[in-house]
């Protein structure tokens, strides 16, 4: 399953259950081909990652919770996360 497929599935389930826990504004991190020479790591809103081409699988999907300030800075620097991830710092 790709990151996009997983996100679409989660959105559909949320809509069906009328649960607004996961929305298009939720911050997520997609990882493709971890450990290979062509690894892709992209952080952003769920809506952004729906449109982002992660390339071939295998893919992984991460929903970050509260972050250490260094984790937030790493996501911004290394995964092109929006500045809003600083709002997840505990």
Protein backbone atom coordinates (compact mmCIF):
# COMPACT_ATOMS: atom_id res chain seq x y z
CA UNK A 1 0.00 0.00 0.00
CA UNK A 2 1.31 3.44 -0.86
CA UNK A 3 1.21 6.48 1.40
CA UNK A 4 -1.49 7.98 -0.82
CA UNK A 5 -3.65 4.84 -0.68
CA UNK A 6 -3.32 4.68 3.11
CA UNK A 7 -4.25 8.34 3.53
CA UNK A 8 -7.28 8.03 1.27
CA UNK A 9 -8.43 4.96 3.20
CA UNK A 10 -8.03 6.72 6.55
CA UNK A 11 -9.97 9.75 5.31
CA UNK A 12 -12.80 7.55 4.01
CA UNK A 13 -13.04 5.66 7.31
CA UNK A 14 -13.06 8.95 9.23
CA UNK A 15 -15.84 10.32 7.03
CA UNK A 16 -17.87 7.13 7.36
CA UNK A 17 -17.56 7.18 11.16
CA UNK A 18 -17.96 10.97 11.28
CA UNK A 19 -14.67 11.19 13.14
CA UNK A 20 -12.63 14.35 12.64
CA UNK A 21 -9.47 13.03 14.31
CA UNK A 22 -7.69 12.84 10.96
CA UNK A 23 -8.27 15.70 8.53
CA UNK A 24 -6.54 17.09 5.46
CA UNK A 25 -4.69 19.45 7.85
CA UNK A 26 -3.22 16.68 10.02
CA UNK A 27 0.59 16.61 9.92
CA UNK A 28 1.96 13.33 8.59
CA UNK A 29 5.34 11.96 7.49
CA UNK A 30 5.73 9.67 4.51
CA UNK A 31 8.82 7.52 4.00
CA UNK A 32 9.57 5.59 0.84
CA UNK A 33 12.28 2.97 0.40
CA UNK A 34 13.89 3.60 3.79
CA UNK A 35 17.54 2.57 3.87
CA UNK A 36 18.02 2.58 0.12
CA UNK A 37 20.00 5.06 -1.98
CA UNK A 38 16.77 6.69 -3.19
CA UNK A 39 14.99 7.11 0.14
CA UNK A 40 12.28 9.78 0.19
CA UNK A 41 11.09 11.43 3.41
CA UNK A 42 8.36 14.06 3.16
CA UNK A 43 6.45 15.75 5.98
CA UNK A 44 3.45 17.99 5.56
CA UNK A 45 -0.29 18.16 5.85
CA UNK A 46 -2.24 15.09 4.86
CA UNK A 47 -3.63 17.07 1.93
CA UNK A 48 -0.11 17.88 0.73
CA UNK A 49 1.05 14.29 0.95
CA UNK A 50 -1.98 13.12 -1.02
CA UNK A 51 -0.58 15.12 -3.94
CA UNK A 52 3.11 14.27 -3.39
CA UNK A 53 4.64 11.50 -5.51
CA UNK A 54 6.62 9.26 -3.14
CA UNK A 55 7.68 6.96 -5.97
CA UNK A 56 7.79 3.19 -5.74
CA UNK A 57 7.08 1.24 -2.52
CA UNK A 58 7.78 0.14 0.10
CA UNK A 59 6.20 3.05 1.94
CA UNK A 60 5.71 3.89 5.61
CA UNK A 61 3.39 6.45 7.17
CA UNK A 62 3.98 8.23 10.49
CA UNK A 63 1.53 10.37 12.47
CA UNK A 64 3.69 12.40 14.85
CA UNK A 65 2.34 13.30 18.27
CA UNK A 66 4.02 15.75 20.61
CA UNK A 67 7.56 16.45 19.44
CA UNK A 68 10.83 17.44 21.06
CA UNK A 69 11.98 20.76 19.56
CA UNK A 70 14.88 18.99 17.83
CA UNK A 71 12.48 16.53 16.18
CA UNK A 72 10.43 19.42 14.82
CA UNK A 73 13.56 21.15 13.51
CA UNK A 74 14.74 17.90 11.89
CA UNK A 75 11.40 17.45 10.12
CA UNK A 76 11.61 21.01 8.80
CA UNK A 77 15.24 20.66 7.68
CA UNK A 78 15.22 17.08 6.40
CA UNK A 79 11.64 16.34 5.37
CA UNK A 80 10.48 19.75 4.12
CA UNK A 81 7.88 19.99 6.90
CA UNK A 82 5.91 23.21 7.24
CA UNK A 83 6.82 25.63 10.02
CA UNK A 84 3.55 24.63 11.73
CA UNK A 85 5.21 21.44 13.07
CA UNK A 86 6.73 23.68 15.73
CA UNK A 87 3.22 23.78 17.15
CA UNK A 88 3.57 20.07 17.99
CA UNK A 89 6.50 20.74 20.32
CA UNK A 90 5.75 19.82 23.92
